[in-house]
Amino acid sequence: MAGETLVLVTGQFSEENQQRMRDAAPGATLHFVSKLADAGDLVEQAKAIAGTVKAPDLARAKNLEWVHSWAAGADNDLIPEMKASPVV
C-alpha cells in the first residue's frame, strides 16, 4: 500500500453509495468498515478516516492526516488527544 491514499470509511452504506464515494475520490483507496474496530491493522496505514476516532486508534494511526466527522457538530470527536495532534 506504499504511496496510496488509504481512507477508512465507517458506517453502513449501500453498494451504490460506496461506488459514489469511490468515484468522488479516484486517487484514493476506500475501505469500508462498520466500525473502526473492524479495520484491524489498516488503522495504522490510513491517511484519512471518515468516522469517530478514539484515543487508542489515534495513537495507532501513525499516517493519519485527516478525520471526517459524520456528525453535524464535531464537539464529541475533539478529544484532548485529537486537539493535541496535527490531524485535521
N, C-alpha and C. Protein backbone atom coordinates (compact mmCIF):
# COMPACT_ATOMS: atom_id res chain seq x y z
N MET A 1 0.81 -1.21 0.00
CA MET A 1 0.00 0.00 0.00
C MET A 1 0.85 1.26 0.00
N ALA A 2 2.11 1.10 -0.24
CA ALA A 2 3.01 2.24 -0.25
C ALA A 2 2.59 3.24 -1.32
N GLY A 3 2.53 4.50 -0.94
CA GLY A 3 2.22 5.56 -1.88
C GLY A 3 0.74 5.81 -2.13
N GLU A 4 -0.12 4.88 -1.73
CA GLU A 4 -1.53 5.09 -1.98
C GLU A 4 -2.17 5.84 -0.81
N THR A 5 -3.28 6.46 -1.10
CA THR A 5 -4.03 7.16 -0.06
C THR A 5 -5.15 6.24 0.40
N LEU A 6 -4.97 5.67 1.58
CA LEU A 6 -5.96 4.77 2.14
C LEU A 6 -6.92 5.56 3.02
N VAL A 7 -8.19 5.43 2.74
CA VAL A 7 -9.24 6.09 3.52
C VAL A 7 -10.12 5.03 4.12
N LEU A 8 -10.23 5.03 5.45
CA LEU A 8 -11.17 4.13 6.13
C LEU A 8 -12.50 4.86 6.28
N VAL A 9 -13.56 4.23 5.84
CA VAL A 9 -14.90 4.82 5.90
C VAL A 9 -15.74 3.95 6.82
N THR A 10 -16.21 4.53 7.92
CA THR A 10 -17.01 3.76 8.86
C THR A 10 -18.50 4.01 8.63
N GLY A 11 -19.28 2.99 8.90
CA GLY A 11 -20.73 3.12 8.76
C GLY A 11 -21.29 2.10 7.79
N GLN A 12 -22.58 2.15 7.59
CA GLN A 12 -23.29 1.23 6.70
C GLN A 12 -23.72 1.99 5.46
N PHE A 13 -23.23 1.58 4.30
CA PHE A 13 -23.54 2.25 3.05
C PHE A 13 -23.92 1.22 2.00
N SER A 14 -24.88 1.54 1.17
CA SER A 14 -25.26 0.66 0.08
C SER A 14 -24.09 0.56 -0.90
N GLU A 15 -24.11 -0.48 -1.72
CA GLU A 15 -23.07 -0.62 -2.75
C GLU A 15 -23.06 0.61 -3.66
N GLU A 16 -24.25 1.11 -3.96
CA GLU A 16 -24.35 2.29 -4.82
C GLU A 16 -23.65 3.50 -4.20
N ASN A 17 -23.89 3.73 -2.92
CA ASN A 17 -23.25 4.87 -2.25
C ASN A 17 -21.75 4.65 -2.07
N GLN A 18 -21.34 3.42 -1.85
CA GLN A 18 -19.90 3.15 -1.78
C GLN A 18 -19.25 3.49 -3.12
N GLN A 19 -19.89 3.12 -4.20
CA GLN A 19 -19.33 3.42 -5.52
C GLN A 19 -19.30 4.92 -5.78
N ARG A 20 -20.31 5.63 -5.33
CA ARG A 20 -20.32 7.09 -5.48
C ARG A 20 -19.12 7.71 -4.76
N MET A 21 -18.84 7.22 -3.56
CA MET A 21 -17.69 7.73 -2.81
C MET A 21 -16.39 7.40 -3.53
N ARG A 22 -16.28 6.19 -4.04
CA ARG A 22 -15.07 5.81 -4.78
C ARG A 22 -14.90 6.69 -6.02
N ASP A 23 -16.01 6.94 -6.72
CA ASP A 23 -15.95 7.79 -7.92
C ASP A 23 -15.54 9.22 -7.58
N ALA A 24 -15.91 9.68 -6.40
CA ALA A 24 -15.59 11.05 -5.99
C ALA A 24 -14.14 11.19 -5.53
N ALA A 25 -13.49 10.05 -5.27
CA ALA A 25 -12.11 10.08 -4.77
C ALA A 25 -11.25 9.12 -5.59
N PRO A 26 -11.04 9.42 -6.89
CA PRO A 26 -10.33 8.48 -7.76
C PRO A 26 -8.87 8.22 -7.37
N GLY A 27 -8.27 9.11 -6.62
CA GLY A 27 -6.87 8.94 -6.23
C GLY A 27 -6.70 8.23 -4.90
N ALA A 28 -7.79 7.72 -4.34
CA ALA A 28 -7.73 7.09 -3.02
C ALA A 28 -8.29 5.68 -3.08
N THR A 29 -7.84 4.88 -2.14
CA THR A 29 -8.41 3.56 -1.94
C THR A 29 -9.30 3.63 -0.72
N LEU A 30 -10.59 3.44 -0.91
CA LEU A 30 -11.54 3.48 0.19
C LEU A 30 -11.80 2.08 0.70
N HIS A 31 -11.72 1.92 2.00
CA HIS A 31 -12.00 0.64 2.65
C HIS A 31 -13.16 0.87 3.61
N PHE A 32 -14.26 0.18 3.40
CA PHE A 32 -15.47 0.38 4.18
C PHE A 32 -15.54 -0.64 5.32
N VAL A 33 -15.81 -0.15 6.52
CA VAL A 33 -15.98 -0.99 7.71
C VAL A 33 -17.17 -0.49 8.50
N SER A 34 -17.84 -1.39 9.19
CA SER A 34 -18.99 -0.98 10.01
C SER A 34 -18.55 -0.03 11.11
N LYS A 35 -17.44 -0.39 11.76
CA LYS A 35 -16.88 0.46 12.83
C LYS A 35 -15.37 0.36 12.75
N LEU A 36 -14.70 1.33 13.30
CA LEU A 36 -13.24 1.40 13.18
C LEU A 36 -12.56 0.16 13.76
N ALA A 37 -13.15 -0.42 14.77
CA ALA A 37 -12.57 -1.63 15.38
C ALA A 37 -12.46 -2.77 14.37
N ASP A 38 -13.28 -2.75 13.32
CA ASP A 38 -13.25 -3.79 12.29
C ASP A 38 -12.12 -3.59 11.28
N ALA A 39 -11.41 -2.48 11.35
CA ALA A 39 -10.38 -2.16 10.35
C ALA A 39 -9.05 -2.83 10.63
N GLY A 40 -8.85 -3.35 11.82
CA GLY A 40 -7.60 -4.03 12.15
C GLY A 40 -6.38 -3.17 11.93
N ASP A 41 -5.37 -3.75 11.29
CA ASP A 41 -4.10 -3.05 11.07
C ASP A 41 -4.19 -1.93 10.04
N LEU A 42 -5.30 -1.85 9.32
CA LEU A 42 -5.44 -0.76 8.34
C LEU A 42 -5.47 0.61 9.01
N VAL A 43 -5.83 0.65 10.30
CA VAL A 43 -5.82 1.93 11.03
C VAL A 43 -4.43 2.54 10.99
N GLU A 44 -3.42 1.71 11.08
CA GLU A 44 -2.04 2.18 11.10
C GLU A 44 -1.61 2.76 9.75
N GLN A 45 -2.27 2.35 8.69
CA GLN A 45 -1.90 2.78 7.34
C GLN A 45 -2.76 3.91 6.80
N ALA A 46 -3.89 4.16 7.42
CA ALA A 46 -4.86 5.12 6.88
C ALA A 46 -4.33 6.54 6.90
N LYS A 47 -4.55 7.26 5.80
CA LYS A 47 -4.25 8.70 5.74
C LYS A 47 -5.47 9.50 6.16
N ALA A 48 -6.64 8.91 6.01
CA ALA A 48 -7.88 9.59 6.39
C ALA A 48 -8.85 8.57 6.95
N ILE A 49 -9.69 9.04 7.88
CA ILE A 49 -10.74 8.21 8.45
C ILE A 49 -12.02 9.02 8.45
N ALA A 50 -13.08 8.43 7.92
CA ALA A 50 -14.41 9.04 7.98
C ALA A 50 -15.15 8.33 9.10
N GLY A 51 -15.32 9.03 10.21
CA GLY A 51 -15.97 8.45 11.38
C GLY A 51 -15.28 8.90 12.65
N THR A 52 -15.75 8.39 13.75
CA THR A 52 -15.22 8.77 15.05
C THR A 52 -13.91 8.03 15.32
N VAL A 53 -12.91 8.77 15.80
CA VAL A 53 -11.61 8.21 16.15
C VAL A 53 -11.38 8.46 17.63
N LYS A 54 -11.25 7.38 18.39
CA LYS A 54 -10.98 7.48 19.82
C LYS A 54 -9.47 7.43 20.07
N ALA A 55 -9.06 7.78 21.27
CA ALA A 55 -7.64 7.91 21.62
C ALA A 55 -6.79 6.68 21.26
N PRO A 56 -7.21 5.46 21.58
CA PRO A 56 -6.36 4.31 21.25
C PRO A 56 -6.12 4.16 19.74
N ASP A 57 -7.14 4.43 18.94
CA ASP A 57 -6.98 4.34 17.49
C ASP A 57 -6.13 5.49 16.97
N LEU A 58 -6.29 6.66 17.53
CA LEU A 58 -5.47 7.81 17.12
C LEU A 58 -3.99 7.52 17.38
N ALA A 59 -3.69 6.90 18.50
CA ALA A 59 -2.30 6.56 18.83
C ALA A 59 -1.72 5.56 17.83
N ARG A 60 -2.54 4.67 17.29
CA ARG A 60 -2.09 3.67 16.31
C ARG A 60 -1.99 4.23 14.90
N ALA A 61 -2.72 5.28 14.63
CA ALA A 61 -2.85 5.81 13.26
C ALA A 61 -1.68 6.74 12.92
N LYS A 62 -0.53 6.17 12.71
CA LYS A 62 0.70 6.94 12.51
C LYS A 62 0.72 7.75 11.21
N ASN A 63 -0.07 7.36 10.22
CA ASN A 63 -0.10 8.07 8.94
C ASN A 63 -1.31 8.99 8.80
N LEU A 64 -2.13 9.06 9.82
CA LEU A 64 -3.38 9.81 9.74
C LEU A 64 -3.13 11.31 9.60
N GLU A 65 -3.80 11.90 8.61
CA GLU A 65 -3.70 13.34 8.36
C GLU A 65 -5.04 14.05 8.50
N TRP A 66 -6.11 13.30 8.34
CA TRP A 66 -7.41 13.95 8.25
C TRP A 66 -8.50 13.03 8.79
N VAL A 67 -9.45 13.61 9.52
CA VAL A 67 -10.62 12.88 10.01
C VAL A 67 -11.86 13.63 9.55
N HIS A 68 -12.79 12.89 8.98
CA HIS A 68 -14.08 13.46 8.60
C HIS A 68 -15.12 12.97 9.60
N SER A 69 -15.80 13.88 10.25
CA SER A 69 -16.85 13.52 11.19
C SER A 69 -18.19 13.45 10.46
N TRP A 70 -18.92 12.37 10.69
CA TRP A 70 -20.25 12.25 10.11
C TRP A 70 -21.24 13.15 10.84
N ALA A 71 -20.93 13.55 12.05
CA ALA A 71 -21.84 14.36 12.86
C ALA A 71 -21.88 15.81 12.37
N ALA A 72 -23.01 16.45 12.58
CA ALA A 72 -23.15 17.86 12.22
C ALA A 72 -22.23 18.72 13.08
N GLY A 73 -22.04 18.32 14.31
CA GLY A 73 -21.12 19.01 15.22
C GLY A 73 -20.05 18.03 15.65
N ALA A 74 -18.82 18.44 15.56
CA ALA A 74 -17.71 17.51 15.87
C ALA A 74 -17.23 17.63 17.30
N ASP A 75 -17.98 18.32 18.16
CA ASP A 75 -17.54 18.54 19.53
C ASP A 75 -17.15 17.25 20.25
N ASN A 76 -17.96 16.20 20.10
CA ASN A 76 -17.67 14.94 20.79
C ASN A 76 -16.44 14.24 20.24
N ASP A 77 -16.06 14.55 19.01
CA ASP A 77 -14.89 13.92 18.41
C ASP A 77 -13.59 14.64 18.77
N LEU A 78 -13.68 15.83 19.31
CA LEU A 78 -12.48 16.60 19.63
C LEU A 78 -11.96 16.26 21.01
N ILE A 79 -11.48 15.02 21.13
CA ILE A 79 -10.89 14.57 22.37
C ILE A 79 -9.55 15.29 22.56
N PRO A 80 -9.05 15.37 23.79
CA PRO A 80 -7.77 16.08 24.01
C PRO A 80 -6.64 15.59 23.12
N GLU A 81 -6.56 14.28 22.89
CA GLU A 81 -5.50 13.74 22.04
C GLU A 81 -5.64 14.23 20.60
N MET A 82 -6.86 14.39 20.14
CA MET A 82 -7.08 14.89 18.78
C MET A 82 -6.68 16.36 18.68
N LYS A 83 -7.06 17.13 19.68
CA LYS A 83 -6.70 18.55 19.68
C LYS A 83 -5.20 18.76 19.72
N ALA A 84 -4.48 17.85 20.38
CA ALA A 84 -3.03 17.97 20.50
C ALA A 84 -2.29 17.42 19.29
N SER A 85 -2.99 16.74 18.41
CA SER A 85 -2.34 16.11 17.26
C SER A 85 -2.34 17.05 16.06
N PRO A 86 -1.53 16.73 15.04
CA PRO A 86 -1.53 17.54 13.82
C PRO A 86 -2.65 17.16 12.85
N VAL A 87 -3.46 16.18 13.23
CA VAL A 87 -4.56 15.71 12.36
C VAL A 87 -5.61 16.80 12.20
N VAL A 88 -6.04 16.99 10.96
CA VAL A 88 -7.07 17.99 10.67
C VAL A 88 -8.42 17.35 10.79
